[in-house]
Amino acid sequence: MSASALEQGEDAFRKIFRLYRKKNPPADLSGVLEFRSGESRLRSAELRVNAVSDQDAGRVGLQPLGEWSAYHVEGYPGFLFIVNPFLPGWQHRWVRQCLKLYPRKPNVCNLDLHMSLESGRDLWDHSHAQLRKKSPRRRSEKTLLEKLRWVTLGFHYNWDTKKYYREHQSPFPVDLAELSRCVSLACGFPNFRAEAGILNYYHMDSSLGIHVDESELDHGSPLLSFSFGQSSIFLLGGLSRDVAPTPMLMHSGDIMVMSGASRLLYHAVPRILHYPGGGVLPPCLSVPPSNDGPNALIEPCAAADWEVCQAYLQSSRINMTVRRVLAEGGSFPEEDADTQHEAAMRGHGYHTENNETQEATQAHGYHREQ
């Protein structure tokens, strides 16, 4: 990278971010790491295949652990990539949870400060009929679900202060906690506890700025990331933005685990991509929703519900990240009660800064649409 570029404030990470963000002409993807090829930078990861029973894995829609494909990436100790370990038809249920259930109160979302929903109705109620009738070839007014950008679960992340607060929390979803437990056990983290979740909802013109997930008080536990829908380019860098990141492709069902030396690395999502091959949905989402699993933790996805989810995912991606906020035996710092209350009551609005530097450094969930 040239010294002149650095002098103008463009660090190595920002340069790569802009490369993959541009549309005309689009970036060459030949250098993007693909986890479904015999890539020399990858090595197989050994999972704790006996840590989770096949029955427990199946209750949340996961294949037996012995059938998972997991990889380490050269130069990134503590980073683990699991290629879609979900049973056929089961991703549909998790998509339905993200669109129909998780945005409901008492969870918090970006729309809370911008509109007052009619009593007894939620985003799904407002949107499902219109989404079911939508045509991908015709422009129409966005539904509330299509305006959804983020949802927080458990300890609610405060976007203004970049902190979590003891007083501002809601019950963490039992099903997502169990999914996270199974994945963390498989990866060798028996003490992981799901305490906070941030769900990001991307469209084809969305991005996630360059940031580090450092707001949690426990950095010894991993960060779990689950992707559904269209694909994306994920950039994983170093402890400094002067380190050029490695671009990676993430597809529907893929899981990333950031732990150890990789837990506090800079990362970003510069671009959302249609799944390679030209289909409307990835093959794993083209199969019918699963109705299997009498002991399943989440109910089957009804055909009518999947019609709505399918229409949404034609041009969208959903990402769930799950974190442990407090270390074992830890607690929140003591703050003035009034300060905590004031902070908890604000900071949950959708950020709309257009300045590129602000966009690049906004932590966790800032999307810039063009």
Protein backbone atom coordinates (compact mmCIF):
# COMPACT_ATOMS: atom_id res chain seq x y z
CA MET A 1 0.00 0.00 0.00
CA SER A 2 1.35 3.43 -0.91
CA ALA A 3 2.44 5.95 1.68
CA SER A 4 0.28 8.59 0.00
CA ALA A 5 -2.85 6.52 0.56
CA LEU A 6 -2.00 6.11 4.24
CA GLU A 7 -1.37 9.84 4.54
CA GLN A 8 -4.88 10.45 3.27
CA GLY A 9 -6.27 8.32 6.09
CA GLU A 10 -6.93 5.11 4.15
CA ASP A 11 -5.51 2.24 6.18
CA ALA A 12 -4.89 -1.25 4.80
CA PHE A 13 -8.23 -2.62 6.02
CA ARG A 14 -10.20 0.32 4.60
CA LYS A 15 -8.53 -0.14 1.21
CA ILE A 16 -9.67 -3.78 0.99
CA PHE A 17 -13.11 -2.86 2.33
CA ARG A 18 -13.56 -0.30 -0.45
CA LEU A 19 -12.30 -2.76 -3.05
CA TYR A 20 -15.01 -5.30 -2.29
CA ARG A 21 -17.64 -2.65 -1.61
CA LYS A 22 -17.51 -1.08 -5.08
CA LYS A 23 -20.08 -2.00 -7.71
CA ASN A 24 -18.77 -0.55 -10.96
CA PRO A 25 -16.82 -2.51 -11.85
CA PRO A 26 -17.40 -5.21 -9.24
CA ALA A 27 -14.34 -6.63 -7.52
CA ASP A 28 -12.69 -9.80 -8.78
CA LEU A 29 -13.64 -12.56 -6.34
CA SER A 30 -10.93 -15.00 -7.37
CA GLY A 31 -8.88 -14.16 -4.27
CA VAL A 32 -11.75 -14.67 -1.83
CA LEU A 33 -11.31 -17.69 0.44
CA GLU A 34 -13.92 -20.35 -0.30
CA PHE A 35 -14.43 -23.03 2.34
CA ARG A 36 -15.87 -25.50 -0.11
CA SER A 37 -12.67 -26.01 -2.11
CA GLY A 38 -9.28 -27.63 -1.47
CA GLU A 39 -7.82 -24.30 -0.38
CA SER A 40 -4.19 -24.48 0.78
CA ARG A 41 -4.77 -21.89 3.51
CA LEU A 42 -7.21 -24.20 5.30
CA ARG A 43 -6.66 -27.14 7.61
CA SER A 44 -9.31 -29.40 9.06
CA ALA A 45 -10.34 -28.67 12.64
CA GLU A 46 -10.90 -31.43 15.15
CA LEU A 47 -14.24 -31.10 16.91
CA ARG A 48 -15.35 -32.65 20.22
CA VAL A 49 -17.62 -35.12 18.45
CA ASN A 50 -18.69 -36.81 21.71
CA ALA A 51 -19.53 -33.56 23.49
CA VAL A 52 -23.08 -33.40 22.09
CA SER A 53 -25.36 -36.37 21.50
CA ASP A 54 -26.95 -36.84 18.08
CA GLN A 55 -30.34 -36.38 19.75
CA ASP A 56 -29.40 -33.03 21.31
CA ALA A 57 -27.91 -31.82 18.05
CA GLY A 58 -31.04 -32.90 16.16
CA ARG A 59 -33.34 -30.99 18.54
CA VAL A 60 -31.94 -27.71 17.17
CA GLY A 61 -31.57 -28.94 13.59
CA LEU A 62 -27.87 -29.85 13.55
CA GLN A 63 -26.31 -32.90 11.92
CA PRO A 64 -24.43 -35.37 14.13
CA LEU A 65 -21.10 -33.73 15.00
CA GLY A 66 -19.12 -36.42 13.21
CA GLU A 67 -20.59 -35.21 9.90
CA TRP A 68 -19.57 -31.54 10.30
CA SER A 69 -16.84 -29.96 8.14
CA ALA A 70 -14.82 -27.44 10.14
CA TYR A 71 -11.67 -25.53 9.27
CA HIS A 72 -8.94 -23.39 10.76
CA VAL A 73 -7.45 -20.62 8.60
CA GLU A 74 -3.69 -20.16 8.39
CA GLY A 75 -2.60 -17.09 10.36
CA TYR A 76 -5.78 -16.87 12.47
CA PRO A 77 -5.43 -18.98 15.63
CA GLY A 78 -8.73 -19.27 17.45
CA PHE A 79 -10.83 -18.71 14.32
CA LEU A 80 -13.03 -21.63 13.31
CA PHE A 81 -15.31 -21.94 10.28
CA ILE A 82 -18.04 -24.61 10.15
CA VAL A 83 -19.58 -25.28 6.75
CA ASN A 84 -23.38 -25.50 7.02
CA PRO A 85 -23.91 -28.21 9.67
CA PHE A 86 -27.72 -27.90 9.60
CA LEU A 87 -29.98 -30.79 8.71
CA PRO A 88 -31.87 -30.42 5.39
CA GLY A 89 -34.94 -28.22 5.78
CA TRP A 90 -34.00 -26.95 9.23
CA GLN A 91 -32.55 -23.57 8.35
CA HIS A 92 -36.11 -22.58 7.48
CA ARG A 93 -37.07 -22.79 11.15
CA TRP A 94 -34.23 -20.51 12.23
CA VAL A 95 -35.07 -17.97 9.54
CA ARG A 96 -38.69 -18.01 10.71
CA GLN A 97 -37.54 -17.38 14.31
CA CYS A 98 -35.44 -14.40 13.17
CA LEU A 99 -38.29 -12.83 11.21
CA LYS A 100 -41.41 -13.78 13.15
CA LEU A 101 -40.45 -14.40 16.79
CA TYR A 102 -37.21 -12.64 17.78
CA PRO A 103 -38.27 -9.09 16.72
CA ARG A 104 -41.20 -9.22 19.15
CA LYS A 105 -41.21 -7.43 22.49
CA PRO A 106 -39.57 -7.42 24.97
CA ASN A 107 -36.65 -7.67 22.51
CA VAL A 108 -35.34 -4.40 21.08
CA CYS A 109 -35.03 -3.42 17.42
CA ASN A 110 -34.05 -0.41 15.31
CA LEU A 111 -37.68 0.47 14.58
CA ASP A 112 -38.68 1.03 18.21
CA LEU A 113 -37.95 4.77 18.29
CA HIS A 114 -39.28 5.48 14.82
CA MET A 115 -42.81 4.14 14.85
CA SER A 116 -45.48 3.00 17.20
CA LEU A 117 -47.01 -0.31 16.21
CA GLU A 118 -50.72 -0.80 16.70
CA SER A 119 -51.59 -2.57 19.92
CA GLY A 120 -51.46 -6.36 19.60
CA ARG A 121 -49.62 -6.35 16.26
CA ASP A 122 -45.95 -6.89 15.47
CA LEU A 123 -43.63 -6.59 12.48
CA TRP A 124 -44.67 -9.97 11.12
CA ASP A 125 -48.38 -9.13 11.41
CA HIS A 126 -47.81 -5.86 9.57
CA SER A 127 -45.74 -7.41 6.78
CA HIS A 128 -46.57 -11.03 5.98
CA ALA A 129 -49.51 -10.47 3.62
CA GLN A 130 -47.66 -7.86 1.54
CA LEU A 131 -44.44 -9.90 1.43
CA ARG A 132 -46.29 -13.00 0.27
CA LYS A 133 -47.64 -11.08 -2.74
CA LYS A 134 -44.37 -9.36 -3.64
CA SER A 135 -42.82 -9.87 -7.03
CA PRO A 136 -39.01 -9.71 -7.32
CA ARG A 137 -39.45 -8.02 -10.70
CA ARG A 138 -41.62 -5.15 -9.49
CA ARG A 139 -40.66 -2.30 -7.17
CA SER A 140 -43.05 -1.73 -4.28
CA GLU A 141 -43.08 -0.02 -0.92
CA LYS A 142 -40.94 -1.72 1.72
CA THR A 143 -42.67 -3.61 4.49
CA LEU A 144 -41.68 -3.11 8.12
CA LEU A 145 -39.79 -6.40 8.05
CA GLU A 146 -37.75 -5.08 5.13
CA LYS A 147 -36.96 -1.95 7.16
CA LEU A 148 -35.70 -4.06 10.06
CA ARG A 149 -31.93 -3.69 10.49
CA TRP A 150 -31.14 -5.16 13.90
CA VAL A 151 -32.63 -6.89 16.93
CA THR A 152 -30.95 -7.34 20.32
CA LEU A 153 -31.63 -10.25 22.69
CA GLY A 154 -30.75 -10.94 26.33
CA PHE A 155 -28.53 -8.10 27.54
CA HIS A 156 -29.44 -5.36 25.04
CA TYR A 157 -26.46 -3.69 23.41
CA ASN A 158 -26.58 0.11 23.64
CA TRP A 159 -25.50 1.58 20.32
CA ASP A 160 -24.71 5.04 21.73
CA THR A 161 -22.59 4.07 24.73
CA LYS A 162 -21.38 0.76 23.21
CA LYS A 163 -22.11 -0.96 26.53
CA TYR A 164 -24.43 -3.51 28.09
CA TYR A 165 -26.39 -2.69 31.27
CA ARG A 166 -27.57 -4.96 34.04
CA GLU A 167 -31.01 -3.32 34.14
CA HIS A 168 -31.67 -3.52 30.42
CA GLN A 169 -32.19 -7.15 29.53
CA SER A 170 -34.90 -9.59 28.52
CA PRO A 171 -34.98 -13.40 28.68
CA PHE A 172 -32.59 -14.94 26.16
CA PRO A 173 -34.43 -17.31 23.76
CA VAL A 174 -34.17 -20.89 25.01
CA ASP A 175 -33.86 -22.37 21.52
CA LEU A 176 -31.01 -20.06 20.45
CA ALA A 177 -29.24 -20.66 23.76
CA GLU A 178 -29.38 -24.42 23.13
CA LEU A 179 -28.13 -24.05 19.55
CA SER A 180 -25.23 -21.96 20.88
CA ARG A 181 -24.54 -24.50 23.62
CA CYS A 182 -24.26 -27.33 21.10
CA VAL A 183 -21.89 -25.38 18.84
CA SER A 184 -19.71 -24.13 21.70
CA LEU A 185 -19.42 -27.65 23.19
CA ALA A 186 -18.46 -29.05 19.79
CA CYS A 187 -15.72 -26.41 19.53
CA GLY A 188 -14.33 -27.08 23.00
CA PHE A 189 -15.96 -24.33 25.07
CA PRO A 190 -17.99 -26.11 27.77
CA ASN A 191 -18.44 -22.96 29.88
CA PHE A 192 -19.96 -20.76 27.19
CA ARG A 193 -23.27 -19.18 28.18
CA ALA A 194 -25.48 -17.30 25.72
CA GLU A 195 -26.22 -13.94 27.37
CA ALA A 196 -26.57 -11.45 24.50
CA GLY A 197 -27.49 -11.68 20.86
CA ILE A 198 -27.29 -9.17 18.02
CA LEU A 199 -29.23 -10.04 14.87
CA ASN A 200 -28.34 -8.09 11.72
CA TYR A 201 -30.64 -7.98 8.70
CA TYR A 202 -28.87 -7.21 5.43
CA HIS A 203 -30.16 -6.40 1.95
CA MET A 204 -28.17 -6.43 -1.26
CA ASP A 205 -26.93 -2.85 -0.74
CA SER A 206 -26.08 -3.27 2.96
CA SER A 207 -22.69 -3.52 4.63
CA LEU A 208 -21.21 -3.89 8.11
CA GLY A 209 -18.46 -1.41 8.96
CA ILE A 210 -14.97 -2.20 10.23
CA HIS A 211 -15.09 -2.90 13.96
CA VAL A 212 -13.95 -5.03 16.92
CA ASP A 213 -16.42 -6.78 19.23
CA GLU A 214 -14.96 -5.58 22.52
CA SER A 215 -17.98 -4.34 24.50
CA GLU A 216 -18.50 -7.66 26.29
CA LEU A 217 -16.85 -7.85 29.71
CA ASP A 218 -15.76 -11.43 28.97
CA HIS A 219 -13.30 -11.75 26.09
CA GLY A 220 -12.27 -15.27 27.09
CA SER A 221 -15.45 -16.77 25.65
CA PRO A 222 -15.99 -17.14 21.91
CA LEU A 223 -18.26 -15.12 19.67
CA LEU A 224 -20.60 -17.32 17.62
CA SER A 225 -21.93 -16.17 14.26
CA PHE A 226 -24.72 -17.86 12.22
CA SER A 227 -25.66 -16.86 8.66
CA PHE A 228 -28.85 -17.51 6.68
CA GLY A 229 -30.04 -16.42 3.24
CA GLN A 230 -27.89 -14.81 0.58
CA SER A 231 -24.08 -14.93 0.72
CA SER A 232 -21.57 -12.32 1.86
CA ILE A 233 -17.92 -11.37 1.78
CA PHE A 234 -16.46 -11.37 5.29
CA LEU A 235 -13.17 -9.58 5.97
CA LEU A 236 -11.03 -10.78 8.87
CA GLY A 237 -8.04 -8.61 9.76
CA GLY A 238 -5.67 -8.14 12.68
CA LEU A 239 -5.37 -6.24 15.94
CA SER A 240 -4.67 -3.08 13.94
CA ARG A 241 -6.38 -1.63 10.89
CA ASP A 242 -2.94 -1.43 9.30
CA VAL A 243 -3.17 -5.19 8.78
CA ALA A 244 -4.75 -6.11 5.44
CA PRO A 245 -7.71 -8.48 5.99
CA THR A 246 -8.40 -11.85 4.40
CA PRO A 247 -11.65 -11.95 2.39
CA MET A 248 -13.84 -15.02 2.92
CA LEU A 249 -17.15 -16.18 1.46
CA MET A 250 -20.00 -16.99 3.85
CA HIS A 251 -23.03 -18.91 2.65
CA SER A 252 -26.36 -19.82 4.19
CA GLY A 253 -25.98 -22.11 7.20
CA ASP A 254 -22.28 -21.38 7.75
CA ILE A 255 -21.08 -20.76 11.31
CA MET A 256 -18.03 -18.78 12.45
CA VAL A 257 -16.42 -18.98 15.88
CA MET A 258 -14.03 -16.22 16.96
CA SER A 259 -12.05 -17.13 20.07
CA GLY A 260 -8.66 -16.77 21.69
CA ALA A 261 -6.25 -14.69 19.61
CA SER A 262 -8.99 -14.05 17.01
CA ARG A 263 -11.64 -12.82 19.45
CA LEU A 264 -10.62 -9.13 19.20
CA LEU A 265 -9.61 -8.91 15.54
CA TYR A 266 -10.98 -6.23 13.23
CA HIS A 267 -13.62 -7.53 10.83
CA ALA A 268 -16.31 -6.27 8.46
CA VAL A 269 -18.82 -7.24 5.78
CA PRO A 270 -18.39 -5.00 2.71
CA ARG A 271 -20.83 -6.73 0.37
CA ILE A 272 -23.84 -9.04 0.19
CA LEU A 273 -23.89 -11.37 -2.83
CA HIS A 274 -26.49 -13.56 -4.44
CA TYR A 275 -25.60 -17.20 -3.89
CA PRO A 276 -23.33 -18.38 -6.75
CA GLY A 277 -25.20 -20.20 -9.46
CA GLY A 278 -27.96 -17.74 -10.22
CA GLY A 279 -30.75 -19.35 -8.22
CA VAL A 280 -33.16 -17.20 -6.25
CA LEU A 281 -32.26 -19.05 -3.04
CA PRO A 282 -29.29 -21.25 -2.11
CA PRO A 283 -29.93 -24.97 -2.63
CA CYS A 284 -30.06 -25.60 1.13
CA LEU A 285 -33.06 -23.25 1.32
CA SER A 286 -34.74 -24.58 -1.81
CA VAL A 287 -35.71 -27.88 -0.19
CA PRO A 288 -39.07 -27.96 1.64
CA PRO A 289 -39.09 -26.95 5.33
CA SER A 290 -38.51 -29.85 7.67
CA ASN A 291 -41.37 -31.25 9.74
CA ASP A 292 -39.16 -33.84 11.41
CA GLY A 293 -38.14 -33.97 15.03
CA PRO A 294 -40.87 -34.76 17.57
CA ASN A 295 -38.46 -33.69 20.33
CA ALA A 296 -37.39 -30.53 18.50
CA LEU A 297 -36.88 -27.37 20.51
CA ILE A 298 -38.48 -25.18 17.84
CA GLU A 299 -41.71 -25.92 16.02
CA PRO A 300 -41.82 -26.73 12.30
CA CYS A 301 -41.94 -23.86 9.83
CA ALA A 302 -45.43 -23.84 8.31
CA ALA A 303 -45.68 -23.59 4.52
CA ALA A 304 -47.46 -20.23 4.78
CA ASP A 305 -44.71 -18.86 7.02
CA TRP A 306 -42.03 -20.08 4.63
CA GLU A 307 -43.68 -18.25 1.73
CA VAL A 308 -43.05 -15.01 3.61
CA CYS A 309 -39.50 -15.96 4.62
CA GLN A 310 -38.69 -17.06 1.08
CA ALA A 311 -39.87 -13.76 -0.39
CA TYR A 312 -37.77 -11.89 2.16
CA LEU A 313 -34.60 -13.93 1.55
CA GLN A 314 -34.62 -13.47 -2.22
CA SER A 315 -32.60 -10.31 -1.65
CA SER A 316 -31.59 -10.51 2.01
CA ARG A 317 -29.23 -12.12 4.49
CA ILE A 318 -29.70 -12.65 8.25
CA ASN A 319 -26.82 -12.97 10.69
CA MET A 320 -27.14 -13.99 14.35
CA THR A 321 -24.22 -13.35 16.69
CA VAL A 322 -24.29 -14.76 20.22
CA ARG A 323 -21.97 -13.62 23.01
CA ARG A 324 -21.25 -14.16 26.68
CA VAL A 325 -21.19 -10.75 28.37
CA LEU A 326 -19.95 -11.52 31.87
CA ALA A 327 -17.02 -13.70 32.87
CA GLU A 328 -17.63 -16.54 35.33
CA GLY A 329 -18.47 -14.91 38.66
CA GLY A 330 -18.19 -11.43 37.10
CA SER A 331 -20.57 -8.51 37.40
CA PHE A 332 -21.26 -5.16 35.79
CA PRO A 333 -19.24 -2.14 36.96
CA GLU A 334 -21.02 -0.08 39.58
CA GLU A 335 -22.53 3.03 38.03
CA ASP A 336 -24.86 5.68 39.27
CA ALA A 337 -28.42 4.32 39.07
CA ASP A 338 -29.69 7.41 37.25
CA THR A 339 -26.85 7.15 34.73
CA GLN A 340 -27.65 3.50 34.07
CA HIS A 341 -31.37 4.20 33.65
CA GLU A 342 -30.77 7.12 31.28
CA ALA A 343 -28.32 5.11 29.18
CA ALA A 344 -30.63 2.12 29.05
CA MET A 345 -33.53 4.23 27.81
CA ARG A 346 -31.61 5.72 24.90
CA GLY A 347 -29.12 4.44 22.40
CA HIS A 348 -31.34 1.91 20.69
CA GLY A 349 -32.10 3.93 17.56
CA TYR A 350 -30.89 3.16 14.07
CA HIS A 351 -27.74 5.11 13.22
CA THR A 352 -27.88 6.93 9.90
CA GLU A 353 -24.55 8.69 9.61
CA ASN A 354 -23.40 8.92 6.00
CA ASN A 355 -19.82 9.91 6.68
CA GLU A 356 -17.62 7.08 5.44
CA THR A 357 -15.27 7.17 8.41
CA GLN A 358 -18.18 6.98 10.85
CA GLU A 359 -19.64 4.10 8.83
CA ALA A 360 -16.36 2.26 8.90
CA THR A 361 -15.92 2.42 12.65
CA GLN A 362 -19.52 1.96 13.85
CA ALA A 363 -19.46 -1.18 15.97
CA HIS A 364 -21.54 -4.30 15.38
CA GLY A 365 -24.48 -3.34 13.24
CA TYR A 366 -24.26 -0.20 11.18
CA HIS A 367 -25.59 -0.62 7.66
CA ARG A 368 -25.05 1.95 4.95
CA GLU A 369 -27.53 1.72 2.11
CA GLN A 370 -27.04 3.34 -1.27
